[in-house]
Amino acid sequence: MRFGNILNKTPLGVLEPIFHAILVLSIFLYVALWPLFYLYGMLLCPMVWIEWGKQGKKALVIFLDSKHSEEWMARLSPLISDRAVFLNWSERKQWDRWSLPAQLFDVFGPHGMPEQFTRNSLPAVIVFRELGRPKTFTFGNRSKDLEAKLDRLRAELALD
């Protein structure tokens, strides 16, 4: 007997409690596991301070192959070029998922829902400070107050 036939013959009253149980369980798991995701991100920060600190790196820049991104990268490069690690979002299929930059983007980077909306937030700069939470600056075509963000990024980078 095929699975579809079983569902067609099962009364809705029997399936409804199962679907409710799955919904409640998924919400419980989300709430229970969210602190672990936050903890994972906070454990990545010391790795950045140690590994990248030796190289003088303190920022992750995520950009894409677009005219808007290229224009902003020309403005951002003088500020961060020697102090940043770069990720091209257009080449994300080739990223090593276990590399530190890719993991940092997964935890701290701008994420659109659905994924193709992420491009509207790029380019983005994530600045890592010792003993502090990373700060994310987005310069995408849907971002607001871009000049003010650029000034805040300058101020953040000047704290060294």
N, C-alpha and C. Protein backbone atom coordinates (compact mmCIF):
# COMPACT_ATOMS: atom_id res chain seq x y z
N MET A 1 0.85 -1.17 0.00
CA MET A 1 0.00 0.00 0.00
C MET A 1 0.89 1.24 0.00
N ARG A 2 0.59 2.18 -0.86
CA ARG A 2 1.40 3.39 -0.99
C ARG A 2 1.04 4.40 0.09
N PHE A 3 1.97 5.29 0.38
CA PHE A 3 1.80 6.29 1.42
C PHE A 3 0.61 7.22 1.12
N GLY A 4 0.45 7.62 -0.15
CA GLY A 4 -0.66 8.48 -0.55
C GLY A 4 -2.00 7.85 -0.25
N ASN A 5 -2.11 6.54 -0.46
CA ASN A 5 -3.37 5.86 -0.18
C ASN A 5 -3.68 5.87 1.32
N ILE A 6 -2.65 5.72 2.13
CA ILE A 6 -2.85 5.74 3.58
C ILE A 6 -3.38 7.10 4.02
N LEU A 7 -2.77 8.20 3.48
CA LEU A 7 -3.22 9.54 3.85
C LEU A 7 -4.66 9.80 3.39
N ASN A 8 -5.00 9.29 2.21
CA ASN A 8 -6.36 9.50 1.70
C ASN A 8 -7.40 8.78 2.54
N LYS A 9 -7.04 7.68 3.12
CA LYS A 9 -8.00 6.89 3.89
C LYS A 9 -7.99 7.24 5.39
N THR A 10 -7.01 8.03 5.82
CA THR A 10 -6.92 8.40 7.23
C THR A 10 -7.82 9.60 7.48
N PRO A 11 -8.66 9.54 8.48
CA PRO A 11 -9.53 10.69 8.78
C PRO A 11 -8.71 11.89 9.25
N LEU A 12 -9.16 13.08 8.89
CA LEU A 12 -8.47 14.31 9.24
C LEU A 12 -8.34 14.47 10.76
N GLY A 13 -9.29 13.98 11.49
CA GLY A 13 -9.26 14.06 12.95
C GLY A 13 -8.07 13.34 13.56
N VAL A 14 -7.55 12.32 12.88
CA VAL A 14 -6.38 11.59 13.38
C VAL A 14 -5.10 12.34 13.04
N LEU A 15 -5.04 12.97 11.86
CA LEU A 15 -3.82 13.66 11.43
C LEU A 15 -3.63 15.01 12.12
N GLU A 16 -4.71 15.67 12.47
CA GLU A 16 -4.62 16.99 13.07
C GLU A 16 -3.80 17.01 14.36
N PRO A 17 -4.01 16.11 15.31
CA PRO A 17 -3.17 16.12 16.52
C PRO A 17 -1.69 15.85 16.22
N ILE A 18 -1.43 15.05 15.21
CA ILE A 18 -0.04 14.77 14.83
C ILE A 18 0.63 16.04 14.31
N PHE A 19 -0.08 16.77 13.45
CA PHE A 19 0.48 18.02 12.92
C PHE A 19 0.67 19.06 14.02
N HIS A 20 -0.25 19.13 14.96
CA HIS A 20 -0.11 20.06 16.09
C HIS A 20 1.08 19.67 16.97
N ALA A 21 1.27 18.39 17.19
CA ALA A 21 2.41 17.93 17.98
C ALA A 21 3.73 18.28 17.30
N ILE A 22 3.78 18.10 15.99
CA ILE A 22 5.00 18.45 15.23
C ILE A 22 5.26 19.95 15.31
N LEU A 23 4.21 20.75 15.20
CA LEU A 23 4.36 22.20 15.29
C LEU A 23 4.88 22.62 16.66
N VAL A 24 4.30 22.10 17.71
CA VAL A 24 4.73 22.44 19.07
C VAL A 24 6.16 21.98 19.30
N LEU A 25 6.50 20.79 18.84
CA LEU A 25 7.86 20.28 19.01
C LEU A 25 8.87 21.14 18.25
N SER A 26 8.53 21.57 17.04
CA SER A 26 9.47 22.39 16.28
C SER A 26 9.67 23.76 16.94
N ILE A 27 8.62 24.34 17.48
CA ILE A 27 8.76 25.62 18.20
C ILE A 27 9.62 25.42 19.45
N PHE A 28 9.39 24.35 20.17
CA PHE A 28 10.18 24.05 21.37
C PHE A 28 11.66 23.89 21.01
N LEU A 29 11.95 23.14 19.94
CA LEU A 29 13.34 22.94 19.53
C LEU A 29 13.99 24.25 19.13
N TYR A 30 13.26 25.10 18.42
CA TYR A 30 13.81 26.39 18.01
C TYR A 30 14.18 27.21 19.25
N VAL A 31 13.27 27.30 20.21
CA VAL A 31 13.52 28.08 21.42
C VAL A 31 14.66 27.46 22.23
N ALA A 32 14.72 26.14 22.30
CA ALA A 32 15.74 25.47 23.09
C ALA A 32 17.12 25.57 22.45
N LEU A 33 17.20 25.56 21.12
CA LEU A 33 18.49 25.55 20.44
C LEU A 33 19.02 26.93 20.09
N TRP A 34 18.17 27.96 20.13
CA TRP A 34 18.62 29.31 19.79
C TRP A 34 19.80 29.76 20.65
N PRO A 35 19.81 29.55 21.95
CA PRO A 35 20.97 29.96 22.75
C PRO A 35 22.26 29.26 22.31
N LEU A 36 22.16 28.04 21.84
CA LEU A 36 23.36 27.34 21.36
C LEU A 36 23.92 28.00 20.11
N PHE A 37 23.05 28.47 19.23
CA PHE A 37 23.50 29.17 18.03
C PHE A 37 24.20 30.48 18.43
N TYR A 38 23.63 31.19 19.40
CA TYR A 38 24.25 32.42 19.90
C TYR A 38 25.61 32.11 20.53
N LEU A 39 25.68 31.06 21.33
CA LEU A 39 26.93 30.65 21.96
C LEU A 39 27.98 30.30 20.91
N TYR A 40 27.55 29.59 19.86
CA TYR A 40 28.47 29.24 18.77
C TYR A 40 29.07 30.50 18.16
N GLY A 41 28.24 31.51 17.93
CA GLY A 41 28.74 32.76 17.38
C GLY A 41 29.73 33.43 18.31
N MET A 42 29.44 33.40 19.61
CA MET A 42 30.36 34.02 20.57
C MET A 42 31.67 33.23 20.69
N LEU A 43 31.65 31.94 20.40
CA LEU A 43 32.88 31.15 20.40
C LEU A 43 33.71 31.40 19.15
N LEU A 44 33.06 31.83 18.08
CA LEU A 44 33.81 32.15 16.86
C LEU A 44 34.63 33.43 17.02
N CYS A 45 34.14 34.35 17.82
CA CYS A 45 34.83 35.64 17.98
C CYS A 45 36.26 35.50 18.50
N PRO A 46 36.51 34.72 19.55
CA PRO A 46 37.92 34.57 19.97
C PRO A 46 38.80 33.95 18.88
N MET A 47 38.22 33.11 18.05
CA MET A 47 39.01 32.55 16.94
C MET A 47 39.43 33.68 15.98
N VAL A 48 38.54 34.62 15.75
CA VAL A 48 38.87 35.77 14.90
C VAL A 48 39.97 36.59 15.56
N TRP A 49 39.82 36.89 16.85
CA TRP A 49 40.81 37.72 17.53
C TRP A 49 42.18 37.07 17.49
N ILE A 50 42.22 35.74 17.64
CA ILE A 50 43.50 35.04 17.68
C ILE A 50 44.08 34.88 16.27
N GLU A 51 43.29 34.28 15.36
CA GLU A 51 43.81 33.98 14.02
C GLU A 51 44.02 35.23 13.18
N TRP A 52 43.02 36.08 13.12
CA TRP A 52 43.12 37.26 12.28
C TRP A 52 43.93 38.36 12.94
N GLY A 53 43.94 38.38 14.27
CA GLY A 53 44.70 39.41 14.97
C GLY A 53 46.18 39.37 14.64
N LYS A 54 46.71 38.17 14.45
CA LYS A 54 48.12 38.01 14.08
C LYS A 54 48.42 38.64 12.73
N GLN A 55 47.41 38.63 11.84
CA GLN A 55 47.58 39.15 10.48
C GLN A 55 47.14 40.61 10.37
N GLY A 56 46.67 41.18 11.47
CA GLY A 56 46.19 42.56 11.44
C GLY A 56 44.81 42.71 10.82
N LYS A 57 44.08 41.62 10.72
CA LYS A 57 42.73 41.64 10.14
C LYS A 57 41.71 41.81 11.26
N LYS A 58 40.69 42.62 11.00
CA LYS A 58 39.66 42.82 12.00
C LYS A 58 38.26 42.95 11.41
N ALA A 59 38.14 42.70 10.10
CA ALA A 59 36.83 42.86 9.46
C ALA A 59 36.63 41.79 8.39
N LEU A 60 35.36 41.49 8.17
CA LEU A 60 34.95 40.60 7.09
C LEU A 60 34.09 41.43 6.15
N VAL A 61 34.45 41.43 4.87
CA VAL A 61 33.70 42.19 3.87
C VAL A 61 33.04 41.19 2.93
N ILE A 62 31.73 41.34 2.77
CA ILE A 62 30.97 40.49 1.86
C ILE A 62 30.47 41.39 0.75
N PHE A 63 30.79 41.05 -0.47
CA PHE A 63 30.37 41.84 -1.63
C PHE A 63 29.82 40.91 -2.69
N LEU A 64 29.30 41.48 -3.77
CA LEU A 64 28.81 40.66 -4.86
C LEU A 64 29.17 41.33 -6.17
N ASP A 65 29.01 40.59 -7.24
CA ASP A 65 29.32 41.11 -8.57
C ASP A 65 28.12 41.91 -9.09
N SER A 66 28.13 43.21 -8.76
CA SER A 66 27.08 44.10 -9.26
C SER A 66 27.66 45.51 -9.34
N LYS A 67 27.02 46.34 -10.11
CA LYS A 67 27.49 47.71 -10.27
C LYS A 67 27.43 48.47 -8.94
N HIS A 68 26.32 48.34 -8.20
CA HIS A 68 26.17 49.02 -6.91
C HIS A 68 27.27 48.58 -5.93
N SER A 69 27.52 47.28 -5.88
CA SER A 69 28.53 46.76 -4.96
C SER A 69 29.91 47.26 -5.35
N GLU A 70 30.21 47.29 -6.63
CA GLU A 70 31.52 47.77 -7.09
C GLU A 70 31.72 49.24 -6.73
N GLU A 71 30.66 50.05 -6.87
CA GLU A 71 30.77 51.47 -6.52
C GLU A 71 31.07 51.63 -5.03
N TRP A 72 30.38 50.88 -4.19
CA TRP A 72 30.62 50.99 -2.75
C TRP A 72 31.95 50.37 -2.34
N MET A 73 32.36 49.32 -3.01
CA MET A 73 33.65 48.72 -2.68
C MET A 73 34.78 49.69 -2.99
N ALA A 74 34.62 50.52 -4.02
CA ALA A 74 35.63 51.53 -4.33
C ALA A 74 35.74 52.55 -3.19
N ARG A 75 34.63 52.84 -2.52
CA ARG A 75 34.64 53.77 -1.39
C ARG A 75 35.13 53.09 -0.11
N LEU A 76 34.81 51.80 0.05
CA LEU A 76 35.17 51.09 1.27
C LEU A 76 36.62 50.61 1.28
N SER A 77 37.14 50.27 0.13
CA SER A 77 38.48 49.68 0.04
C SER A 77 39.58 50.51 0.72
N PRO A 78 39.62 51.82 0.54
CA PRO A 78 40.68 52.57 1.22
C PRO A 78 40.61 52.46 2.75
N LEU A 79 39.42 52.25 3.28
CA LEU A 79 39.26 52.14 4.73
C LEU A 79 39.68 50.78 5.27
N ILE A 80 39.44 49.73 4.51
CA ILE A 80 39.53 48.38 5.07
C ILE A 80 40.42 47.41 4.32
N SER A 81 40.97 47.82 3.19
CA SER A 81 41.63 46.86 2.30
C SER A 81 42.69 46.01 2.98
N ASP A 82 43.53 46.61 3.84
CA ASP A 82 44.59 45.84 4.48
C ASP A 82 44.15 45.20 5.80
N ARG A 83 42.95 45.52 6.26
CA ARG A 83 42.47 45.00 7.54
C ARG A 83 41.28 44.07 7.41
N ALA A 84 41.02 43.57 6.20
CA ALA A 84 39.80 42.79 6.01
C ALA A 84 40.05 41.50 5.23
N VAL A 85 39.15 40.56 5.47
CA VAL A 85 39.07 39.33 4.69
C VAL A 85 37.84 39.49 3.82
N PHE A 86 37.94 39.11 2.55
CA PHE A 86 36.87 39.35 1.59
C PHE A 86 36.18 38.06 1.17
N LEU A 87 34.86 38.14 1.05
CA LEU A 87 34.04 37.04 0.54
C LEU A 87 33.17 37.57 -0.58
N ASN A 88 33.18 36.88 -1.71
CA ASN A 88 32.31 37.25 -2.83
C ASN A 88 31.04 36.41 -2.73
N TRP A 89 29.92 37.06 -2.43
CA TRP A 89 28.65 36.35 -2.26
C TRP A 89 28.20 35.71 -3.56
N SER A 90 28.61 36.26 -4.70
CA SER A 90 28.24 35.68 -5.99
C SER A 90 28.88 34.31 -6.18
N GLU A 91 29.95 34.04 -5.45
CA GLU A 91 30.65 32.75 -5.55
C GLU A 91 30.40 31.87 -4.32
N ARG A 92 29.29 32.09 -3.62
CA ARG A 92 29.02 31.38 -2.37
C ARG A 92 28.91 29.87 -2.54
N LYS A 93 28.59 29.40 -3.73
CA LYS A 93 28.50 27.94 -3.96
C LYS A 93 29.87 27.28 -3.85
N GLN A 94 30.93 28.06 -4.05
CA GLN A 94 32.29 27.52 -3.97
C GLN A 94 32.94 27.75 -2.60
N TRP A 95 32.26 28.44 -1.70
CA TRP A 95 32.84 28.67 -0.37
C TRP A 95 33.04 27.35 0.35
N ASP A 96 34.12 27.26 1.09
CA ASP A 96 34.32 26.14 2.01
C ASP A 96 33.45 26.43 3.23
N ARG A 97 32.41 25.66 3.42
CA ARG A 97 31.42 25.93 4.48
C ARG A 97 32.04 25.91 5.88
N TRP A 98 33.18 25.24 6.03
CA TRP A 98 33.81 25.15 7.34
C TRP A 98 34.90 26.19 7.55
N SER A 99 35.12 27.04 6.54
CA SER A 99 36.12 28.10 6.71
C SER A 99 35.59 29.14 7.69
N LEU A 100 36.50 29.79 8.37
CA LEU A 100 36.11 30.79 9.35
C LEU A 100 35.30 31.93 8.72
N PRO A 101 35.72 32.49 7.58
CA PRO A 101 34.91 33.57 7.00
C PRO A 101 33.48 33.14 6.65
N ALA A 102 33.31 31.96 6.10
CA ALA A 102 31.96 31.49 5.75
C ALA A 102 31.11 31.29 6.99
N GLN A 103 31.69 30.75 8.05
CA GLN A 103 30.94 30.56 9.29
C GLN A 103 30.57 31.90 9.92
N LEU A 104 31.48 32.87 9.86
CA LEU A 104 31.19 34.19 10.40
C LEU A 104 30.05 34.85 9.63
N PHE A 105 30.05 34.69 8.32
CA PHE A 105 28.95 35.24 7.54
C PHE A 105 27.63 34.56 7.92
N ASP A 106 27.66 33.24 8.10
CA ASP A 106 26.43 32.53 8.47
C ASP A 106 25.85 33.02 9.79
N VAL A 107 26.73 33.37 10.73
CA VAL A 107 26.26 33.78 12.06
C VAL A 107 25.97 35.28 12.12
N PHE A 108 26.87 36.11 11.61
CA PHE A 108 26.76 37.55 11.80
C PHE A 108 26.37 38.34 10.56
N GLY A 109 26.40 37.72 9.40
CA GLY A 109 26.15 38.43 8.16
C GLY A 109 24.68 38.76 7.94
N PRO A 110 24.43 39.68 7.03
CA PRO A 110 23.04 40.01 6.70
C PRO A 110 22.42 38.88 5.89
N HIS A 111 21.23 38.47 6.28
CA HIS A 111 20.54 37.39 5.59
C HIS A 111 19.15 37.86 5.21
N GLY A 112 18.85 37.76 3.94
CA GLY A 112 17.51 38.09 3.48
C GLY A 112 16.64 36.86 3.44
N MET A 113 15.35 37.09 3.55
CA MET A 113 14.39 35.99 3.44
C MET A 113 13.49 36.29 2.27
N PRO A 114 13.50 35.52 1.24
CA PRO A 114 14.34 34.38 0.91
C PRO A 114 15.78 34.80 0.60
N GLU A 115 16.63 33.81 0.41
CA GLU A 115 18.08 34.05 0.30
C GLU A 115 18.44 35.05 -0.80
N GLN A 116 17.69 35.09 -1.89
CA GLN A 116 18.07 36.00 -2.98
C GLN A 116 17.93 37.46 -2.58
N PHE A 117 17.23 37.77 -1.48
CA PHE A 117 17.12 39.14 -1.01
C PHE A 117 18.39 39.59 -0.27
N THR A 118 19.27 38.67 0.05
CA THR A 118 20.53 39.03 0.72
C THR A 118 21.31 40.01 -0.13
N ARG A 119 21.23 39.86 -1.42
CA ARG A 119 22.00 40.74 -2.31
C ARG A 119 21.61 42.20 -2.14
N ASN A 120 20.41 42.49 -1.63
CA ASN A 120 19.98 43.87 -1.41
C ASN A 120 20.67 44.50 -0.21
N SER A 121 21.36 43.71 0.61
CA SER A 121 22.08 44.21 1.78
C SER A 121 23.58 44.30 1.55
N LEU A 122 24.04 43.90 0.39
CA LEU A 122 25.47 43.84 0.14
C LEU A 122 25.91 45.00 -0.74
N PRO A 123 27.12 45.49 -0.52
CA PRO A 123 28.18 44.96 0.30
C PRO A 123 27.92 45.20 1.80
N ALA A 124 28.58 44.41 2.60
CA ALA A 124 28.47 44.52 4.05
C ALA A 124 29.85 44.35 4.67
N VAL A 125 30.05 45.03 5.78
CA VAL A 125 31.31 44.94 6.53
C VAL A 125 30.96 44.54 7.96
N ILE A 126 31.60 43.47 8.43
CA ILE A 126 31.42 43.04 9.82
C ILE A 126 32.75 43.30 10.53
N VAL A 127 32.70 44.17 11.52
CA VAL A 127 33.91 44.56 12.25
C VAL A 127 33.94 43.81 13.57
N PHE A 128 35.08 43.17 13.83
CA PHE A 128 35.27 42.39 15.06
C PHE A 128 36.20 43.15 15.99
N ARG A 129 35.73 43.41 17.20
CA ARG A 129 36.52 44.07 18.20
C ARG A 129 36.79 43.10 19.33
N GLU A 130 37.98 43.17 19.90
CA GLU A 130 38.29 42.28 21.01
C GLU A 130 37.34 42.53 22.17
N LEU A 131 36.85 41.44 22.72
CA LEU A 131 35.95 41.46 23.87
C LEU A 131 34.65 42.23 23.61
N GLY A 132 34.25 42.30 22.37
CA GLY A 132 33.00 42.97 22.03
C GLY A 132 32.24 42.20 20.97
N ARG A 133 30.97 42.51 20.86
CA ARG A 133 30.12 41.89 19.85
C ARG A 133 30.44 42.51 18.49
N PRO A 134 30.48 41.70 17.45
CA PRO A 134 30.75 42.25 16.10
C PRO A 134 29.67 43.25 15.68
N LYS A 135 30.08 44.22 14.89
CA LYS A 135 29.14 45.22 14.36
C LYS A 135 29.07 45.05 12.85
N THR A 136 27.84 45.03 12.35
CA THR A 136 27.61 44.83 10.92
C THR A 136 27.13 46.13 10.29
N PHE A 137 27.76 46.49 9.18
CA PHE A 137 27.40 47.68 8.42
C PHE A 137 27.02 47.22 7.02
N THR A 138 25.79 47.52 6.59
CA THR A 138 25.34 47.11 5.26
C THR A 138 25.23 48.33 4.36
N PHE A 139 25.66 48.17 3.11
CA PHE A 139 25.65 49.27 2.15
C PHE A 139 24.92 48.87 0.86
N GLY A 140 23.94 48.00 0.99
CA GLY A 140 23.20 47.53 -0.18
C GLY A 140 22.27 48.59 -0.73
N ASN A 141 21.68 48.28 -1.88
CA ASN A 141 20.81 49.24 -2.54
C ASN A 141 19.50 49.45 -1.79
N ARG A 142 19.17 48.63 -0.82
CA ARG A 142 17.97 48.82 0.00
C ARG A 142 18.30 49.36 1.39
N SER A 143 19.57 49.58 1.66
CA SER A 143 19.97 50.11 2.97
C SER A 143 19.68 51.60 3.04
N LYS A 144 19.40 52.07 4.22
CA LYS A 144 19.10 53.49 4.44
C LYS A 144 20.28 54.17 5.12
N ASP A 145 20.37 55.48 4.93
CA ASP A 145 21.40 56.32 5.57
C ASP A 145 22.81 55.78 5.32
N LEU A 146 23.14 55.58 4.06
CA LEU A 146 24.43 54.99 3.73
C LEU A 146 25.60 55.87 4.15
N GLU A 147 25.48 57.17 3.98
CA GLU A 147 26.57 58.06 4.37
C GLU A 147 26.79 58.03 5.89
N ALA A 148 25.70 57.98 6.65
CA ALA A 148 25.82 57.90 8.11
C ALA A 148 26.47 56.58 8.52
N LYS A 149 26.11 55.51 7.84
CA LYS A 149 26.74 54.21 8.14
C LYS A 149 28.22 54.24 7.82
N LEU A 150 28.57 54.89 6.71
CA LEU A 150 29.98 55.00 6.34
C LEU A 150 30.75 55.78 7.41
N ASP A 151 30.15 56.84 7.93
CA ASP A 151 30.79 57.60 9.01
C ASP A 151 30.95 56.76 10.27
N ARG A 152 29.93 55.96 10.61
CA ARG A 152 30.03 55.08 11.79
C ARG A 152 31.10 54.01 11.59
N LEU A 153 31.22 53.50 10.35
CA LEU A 153 32.27 52.51 10.06
C LEU A 153 33.64 53.16 10.22
N ARG A 154 33.82 54.35 9.71
CA ARG A 154 35.08 55.06 9.88
C ARG A 154 35.43 55.22 11.35
N ALA A 155 34.43 55.62 12.14
CA ALA A 155 34.66 55.81 13.58
C ALA A 155 35.02 54.50 14.24
N GLU A 156 34.34 53.42 13.87
CA GLU A 156 34.63 52.10 14.45
C GLU A 156 36.04 51.65 14.12
N LEU A 157 36.47 51.88 12.89
CA LEU A 157 37.82 51.47 12.48
C LEU A 157 38.89 52.37 13.08
N ALA A 158 38.54 53.59 13.42
CA ALA A 158 39.50 54.53 14.00
C ALA A 158 39.78 54.24 15.46
N LEU A 159 38.98 53.39 16.08
CA LEU A 159 39.18 53.08 17.51
C LEU A 159 40.46 52.30 17.79
N ASP A 160 41.11 51.84 16.77
CA ASP A 160 42.36 51.08 16.99
C ASP A 160 43.52 51.99 17.27
